[in-house]
PDB file of N, CA and C in Angstrom:
ATOM      1  N   UNK A   1       0.858  -1.206   0.025  1.00  0.00           N
ATOM      2  CA  UNK A   1      -0.105  -0.086  -0.123  1.00  0.00           C
ATOM      3  C   UNK A   1       0.790   1.142  -0.032  1.00  0.00           C
ATOM      4  N   UNK A   2       0.809   1.941  -1.041  1.00  0.00           N
ATOM      5  CA  UNK A   2       1.633   3.272  -1.148  1.00  0.00           C
ATOM      6  C   UNK A   2       1.021   4.299  -0.205  1.00  0.00           C
ATOM      7  N   UNK A   3       2.004   5.223   0.207  1.00  0.00           N
ATOM      8  CA  UNK A   3       1.586   6.322   1.216  1.00  0.00           C
ATOM      9  C   UNK A   3       0.628   7.416   0.330  1.00  0.00           C
ATOM     10  N   UNK A   4       0.964   7.430  -0.882  1.00  0.00           N
ATOM     11  CA  UNK A   4       0.129   8.510  -1.638  1.00  0.00           C
ATOM     12  C   UNK A   4      -1.420   8.188  -1.615  1.00  0.00           C
ATOM     13  N   UNK A   5      -1.633   6.845  -1.571  1.00  0.00           N
ATOM     14  CA  UNK A   5      -2.950   6.430  -1.652  1.00  0.00           C
ATOM     15  C   UNK A   5      -3.770   6.559  -0.240  1.00  0.00           C
ATOM     16  N   UNK A   6      -3.094   6.915   0.944  1.00  0.00           N
ATOM     17  CA  UNK A   6      -3.805   7.011   2.076  1.00  0.00           C
ATOM     18  C   UNK A   6      -4.597   8.207   2.249  1.00  0.00           C
ATOM     19  N   UNK A   7      -5.550   7.919   3.029  1.00  0.00           N
ATOM     20  CA  UNK A   7      -6.467   9.263   3.276  1.00  0.00           C
ATOM     21  C   UNK A   7      -5.752  10.174   4.134  1.00  0.00           C
ATOM     22  N   UNK A   8      -5.746  11.508   3.725  1.00  0.00           N
ATOM     23  CA  UNK A   8      -5.031  12.529   4.416  1.00  0.00           C
ATOM     24  C   UNK A   8      -5.623  12.677   5.961  1.00  0.00           C
ATOM     25  N   UNK A   9      -6.690  12.426   6.342  1.00  0.00           N
ATOM     26  CA  UNK A   9      -7.254  12.447   7.613  1.00  0.00           C
ATOM     27  C   UNK A   9      -6.341  11.326   8.371  1.00  0.00           C
ATOM     28  N   UNK A  10      -6.331  10.272   7.853  1.00  0.00           N
ATOM     29  CA  UNK A  10      -5.821   9.024   8.582  1.00  0.00           C
ATOM     30  C   UNK A  10      -4.193   9.537   8.920  1.00  0.00           C
ATOM     31  N   UNK A  11      -3.714   9.915   7.694  1.00  0.00           N
ATOM     32  CA  UNK A  11      -2.295  10.329   7.943  1.00  0.00           C
ATOM     33  C   UNK A  11      -2.065  11.429   9.192  1.00  0.00           C
ATOM     34  N   UNK A  12      -2.997  12.440   9.107  1.00  0.00           N
ATOM     35  CA  UNK A  12      -2.798  13.402  10.122  1.00  0.00           C
ATOM     36  C   UNK A  12      -3.145  12.824  11.485  1.00  0.00           C
ATOM     37  N   UNK A  13      -4.152  11.893  11.606  1.00  0.00           N
ATOM     38  CA  UNK A  13      -4.411  11.281  12.836  1.00  0.00           C
ATOM     39  C   UNK A  13      -3.230  10.517  13.437  1.00  0.00           C
ATOM     40  N   UNK A  14      -2.472   9.836  12.473  1.00  0.00           N
ATOM     41  CA  UNK A  14      -1.354   8.945  12.756  1.00  0.00           C
ATOM     42  C   UNK A  14      -0.184   9.958  13.350  1.00  0.00           C
ATOM     43  N   UNK A  15      -0.111  11.103  12.703  1.00  0.00           N
ATOM     44  CA  UNK A  15       0.825  12.110  13.094  1.00  0.00           C
ATOM     45  C   UNK A  15       0.687  12.616  14.318  1.00  0.00           C
ATOM     46  N   UNK A  16      -0.583  12.883  14.722  1.00  0.00           N
ATOM     47  CA  UNK A  16      -1.080  13.402  15.973  1.00  0.00           C
ATOM     48  C   UNK A  16      -0.886  12.342  17.188  1.00  0.00           C
ATOM     49  N   UNK A  17      -1.151  11.136  16.717  1.00  0.00           N
ATOM     50  CA  UNK A  17      -0.978   9.884  17.745  1.00  0.00           C
ATOM     51  C   UNK A  17       0.656   9.937  18.025  1.00  0.00           C
ATOM     52  N   UNK A  18       1.601   9.935  17.061  1.00  0.00           N
ATOM     53  CA  UNK A  18       2.939   9.941  17.258  1.00  0.00           C
ATOM     54  C   UNK A  18       3.404  11.141  18.124  1.00  0.00           C
ATOM     55  N   UNK A  19       2.744  12.245  17.877  1.00  0.00           N
ATOM     56  CA  UNK A  19       3.126  13.548  18.594  1.00  0.00           C
ATOM     57  C   UNK A  19       2.721  13.177  20.065  1.00  0.00           C
ATOM     58  N   UNK A  20       1.553  12.780  20.251  1.00  0.00           N
ATOM     59  CA  UNK A  20       0.938  12.398  21.755  1.00  0.00           C
ATOM     60  C   UNK A  20       1.933  11.349  22.368  1.00  0.00           C
ATOM     61  N   UNK A  21       2.401  10.519  21.594  1.00  0.00           N
ATOM     62  CA  UNK A  21       3.229   9.357  22.108  1.00  0.00           C
ATOM     63  C   UNK A  21       4.586  10.132  22.559  1.00  0.00           C
ATOM     64  N   UNK A  22       5.037  10.899  21.791  1.00  0.00           N
ATOM     65  CA  UNK A  22       6.412  11.634  22.167  1.00  0.00           C
ATOM     66  C   UNK A  22       6.193  12.411  23.396  1.00  0.00           C
ATOM     67  N   UNK A  23       4.999  12.994  23.456  1.00  0.00           N
ATOM     68  CA  UNK A  23       4.855  13.951  24.540  1.00  0.00           C
ATOM     69  C   UNK A  23       4.697  13.207  25.844  1.00  0.00           C
ATOM     70  N   UNK A  24       3.931  11.994  25.699  1.00  0.00           N
ATOM     71  CA  UNK A  24       3.787  11.011  26.932  1.00  0.00           C
ATOM     72  C   UNK A  24       5.084  10.539  27.369  1.00  0.00           C
ATOM     73  N   UNK A  25       5.980  10.119  26.517  1.00  0.00           N
ATOM     74  CA  UNK A  25       7.298   9.525  26.737  1.00  0.00           C
ATOM     75  C   UNK A  25       8.308  10.722  27.461  1.00  0.00           C
ATOM     76  N   UNK A  26       8.174  12.010  26.921  1.00  0.00           N
ATOM     77  CA  UNK A  26       8.805  13.070  27.424  1.00  0.00           C
ATOM     78  C   UNK A  26       8.339  13.367  28.951  1.00  0.00           C
ATOM     79  N   UNK A  27       6.972  13.177  29.062  1.00  0.00           N
ATOM     80  CA  UNK A  27       6.378  13.449  30.434  1.00  0.00           C
ATOM     81  C   UNK A  27       6.969  12.473  31.455  1.00  0.00           C
ATOM     82  N   UNK A  28       7.008  11.113  30.877  1.00  0.00           N
ATOM     83  CA  UNK A  28       7.410   9.995  31.856  1.00  0.00           C
ATOM     84  C   UNK A  28       8.838  10.208  32.077  1.00  0.00           C
ATOM     85  N   UNK A  29       9.770  10.585  31.062  1.00  0.00           N
ATOM     86  CA  UNK A  29      11.251  10.702  31.378  1.00  0.00           C
ATOM     87  C   UNK A  29      11.384  11.876  32.507  1.00  0.00           C
ATOM     88  N   UNK A  30      10.627  12.987  32.223  1.00  0.00           N
ATOM     89  CA  UNK A  30      10.904  13.961  33.411  1.00  0.00           C
ATOM     90  C   UNK A  30      10.394  13.506  34.617  1.00  0.00           C
ATOM     91  N   UNK A  31       9.239  12.635  34.826  1.00  0.00           N
ATOM     92  CA  UNK A  31       8.897  12.066  36.080  1.00  0.00           C
ATOM     93  C   UNK A  31       9.785  11.151  36.747  1.00  0.00           C
ATOM     94  N   UNK A  32      10.525  10.252  35.694  1.00  0.00           N
ATOM     95  CA  UNK A  32      11.547   9.418  36.339  1.00  0.00           C
ATOM     96  C   UNK A  32      12.793  10.318  36.866  1.00  0.00           C
ATOM     97  N   UNK A  33      13.202  11.193  36.010  1.00  0.00           N
ATOM     98  CA  UNK A  33      14.377  12.106  36.515  1.00  0.00           C
ATOM     99  C   UNK A  33      14.043  12.774  37.766  1.00  0.00           C
ATOM    100  N   UNK A  34      12.697  13.208  38.054  1.00  0.00           N
ATOM    101  CA  UNK A  34      12.235  13.842  39.268  1.00  0.00           C
ATOM    102  C   UNK A  34      12.281  12.669  40.437  1.00  0.00           C
ATOM    103  N   UNK A  35      11.725  11.405  40.160  1.00  0.00           N
ATOM    104  CA  UNK A  35      11.499  10.651  41.178  1.00  0.00           C
ATOM    105  C   UNK A  35      12.866   9.930  41.810  1.00  0.00           C
ATOM    106  N   UNK A  36      13.840   9.753  41.049  1.00  0.00           N
ATOM    107  CA  UNK A  36      15.025   9.067  41.332  1.00  0.00           C
ATOM    108  C   UNK A  36      15.756   9.749  42.690  1.00  0.00           C
ATOM    109  N   UNK A  37      15.934  11.087  42.647  1.00  0.00           N
ATOM    110  CA  UNK A  37      16.414  11.748  43.778  1.00  0.00           C
ATOM    111  C   UNK A  37      15.479  11.612  44.934  1.00  0.00           C
ATOM    112  N   UNK A  38      14.310  11.873  44.551  1.00  0.00           N
ATOM    113  CA  UNK A  38      13.335  11.841  45.743  1.00  0.00           C
ATOM    114  C   UNK A  38      13.235  10.327  46.425  1.00  0.00           C
ATOM    115  N   UNK A  39      13.388   9.319  45.854  1.00  0.00           N
ATOM    116  CA  UNK A  39      13.401   7.972  46.300  1.00  0.00           C
ATOM    117  C   UNK A  39      14.725   7.735  47.032  1.00  0.00           C
ATOM    118  N   UNK A  40      15.835   8.311  46.533  1.00  0.00           N
ATOM    119  CA  UNK A  40      17.083   8.207  47.254  1.00  0.00           C
ATOM    120  C   UNK A  40      17.055   8.987  48.590  1.00  0.00           C
ATOM    121  N   UNK A  41      16.538  10.008  48.597  1.00  0.00           N
ATOM    122  CA  UNK A  41      16.453  10.871  49.674  1.00  0.00           C
ATOM    123  C   UNK A  41      15.622  10.092  50.797  1.00  0.00           C
ATOM    124  N   UNK A  42      14.423   9.599  50.325  1.00  0.00           N
ATOM    125  CA  UNK A  42      13.382   9.058  51.245  1.00  0.00           C
ATOM    126  C   UNK A  42      14.256   7.723  51.890  1.00  0.00           C
ATOM    127  N   UNK A  43      14.992   7.124  51.109  1.00  0.00           N
ATOM    128  CA  UNK A  43      15.762   5.844  51.559  1.00  0.00           C
ATOM    129  C   UNK A  43      16.742   6.304  52.599  1.00  0.00           C
ATOM    130  N   UNK A  44      17.481   7.240  52.318  1.00  0.00           N
ATOM    131  CA  UNK A  44      18.448   7.877  53.319  1.00  0.00           C
ATOM    132  C   UNK A  44      17.817   8.128  54.567  1.00  0.00           C
ATOM    133  N   UNK A  45      16.870   9.067  54.452  1.00  0.00           N
ATOM    134  CA  UNK A  45      16.164   9.523  55.617  1.00  0.00           C
ATOM    135  C   UNK A  45      15.544   8.306  56.374  1.00  0.00           C
ATOM    136  N   UNK A  46      14.975   7.278  55.853  1.00  0.00           N
ATOM    137  CA  UNK A  46      14.524   6.113  56.410  1.00  0.00           C
ATOM    138  C   UNK A  46      15.487   5.372  57.362  1.00  0.00           C
ATOM    139  N   UNK A  47      16.820   5.282  56.551  1.00  0.00           N
ATOM    140  CA  UNK A  47      17.746   4.656  57.221  1.00  0.00           C
ATOM    141  C   UNK A  47      18.314   5.291  58.361  1.00  0.00           C
ATOM    142  N   UNK A  48      18.524   6.710  58.222  1.00  0.00           N
ATOM    143  CA  UNK A  48      18.824   7.637  59.428  1.00  0.00           C
ATOM    144  C   UNK A  48      17.884   7.386  60.512  1.00  0.00           C
ATOM    145  N   UNK A  49      16.723   7.550  60.263  1.00  0.00           N
ATOM    146  CA  UNK A  49      15.490   7.486  61.443  1.00  0.00           C
ATOM    147  C   UNK A  49      15.786   6.176  61.954  1.00  0.00           C
ATOM    148  N   UNK A  50      15.757   5.052  61.198  1.00  0.00           N
ATOM    149  CA  UNK A  50      15.797   3.757  61.743  1.00  0.00           C
ATOM    150  C   UNK A  50      16.889   3.508  62.651  1.00  0.00           C
ATOM    151  N   UNK A  51      18.032   3.972  62.300  1.00  0.00           N
ATOM    152  CA  UNK A  51      19.312   3.810  63.067  1.00  0.00           C
ATOM    153  C   UNK A  51      19.243   4.646  64.357  1.00  0.00           C
ATOM    154  N   UNK A  52      18.580   5.854  64.155  1.00  0.00           N
ATOM    155  CA  UNK A  52      18.279   6.547  65.324  1.00  0.00           C
ATOM    156  C   UNK A  52      17.425   5.973  66.436  1.00  0.00           C
ATOM    157  N   UNK A  53      16.459   5.360  65.933  1.00  0.00           N
ATOM    158  CA  UNK A  53      15.435   4.641  66.858  1.00  0.00           C
ATOM    159  C   UNK A  53      16.218   3.409  67.395  1.00  0.00           C
ATOM    160  N   UNK A  54      16.858   2.544  66.615  1.00  0.00           N
ATOM    161  CA  UNK A  54      17.625   1.659  66.991  1.00  0.00           C
ATOM    162  C   UNK A  54      18.796   1.852  68.241  1.00  0.00           C
ATOM    163  N   UNK A  55      19.470   3.088  68.020  1.00  0.00           N
ATOM    164  CA  UNK A  55      20.334   3.430  68.827  1.00  0.00           C
ATOM    165  C   UNK A  55      19.636   3.848  70.227  1.00  0.00           C
ATOM    166  N   UNK A  56      18.432   4.510  70.132  1.00  0.00           N
ATOM    167  CA  UNK A  56      17.580   4.938  71.460  1.00  0.00           C
ATOM    168  C   UNK A  56      17.213   3.603  72.120  1.00  0.00           C
ATOM    169  N   UNK A  57      16.733   2.624  71.367  1.00  0.00           N
ATOM    170  CA  UNK A  57      16.277   1.384  71.853  1.00  0.00           C
ATOM    171  C   UNK A  57      17.358   0.623  72.595  1.00  0.00           C
ATOM    172  N   UNK A  58      18.673   0.799  72.042  1.00  0.00           N
ATOM    173  CA  UNK A  58      19.772  -0.026  72.307  1.00  0.00           C
ATOM    174  C   UNK A  58      20.172   0.528  73.705  1.00  0.00           C
ATOM    175  N   UNK A  59      20.127   1.967  73.961  1.00  0.00           N
ATOM    176  CA  UNK A  59      20.668   2.626  75.102  1.00  0.00           C
ATOM    177  C   UNK A  59      19.509   2.493  76.345  1.00  0.00           C
ATOM    178  N   UNK A  60      18.244   2.488  75.820  1.00  0.00           N
ATOM    179  CA  UNK A  60      17.142   2.122  77.077  1.00  0.00           C
ATOM    180  C   UNK A  60      17.248   0.858  77.361  1.00  0.00           C
ATOM    181  N   UNK A  61      17.567  -0.338  76.761  1.00  0.00           N
ATOM    182  CA  UNK A  61      17.517  -1.613  77.221  1.00  0.00           C
ATOM    183  C   UNK A  61      18.883  -1.791  78.250  1.00  0.00           C
ATOM    184  N   UNK A  62      18.726  -2.543  79.293  1.00  0.00           N
ATOM    185  CA  UNK A  62      19.888  -2.835  80.141  1.00  0.00           C
ATOM    186  C   UNK A  62      20.730  -3.929  79.483  1.00  0.00           C
TER     187      UNK A  62
END
């Protein structure tokens, strides 16, 4: 099937879908780039809080 024979409306809708897909992928990339440092920070804070609680419990027990 040659591209010349395609309905221009179909071609335009395919281009719009491609653009939408690219936009969605860019949005996902931004989300991932934003989430990685947030997750690392949460893990570090959780480790720090957990070790602080463990140290407190260790000193309280005889």
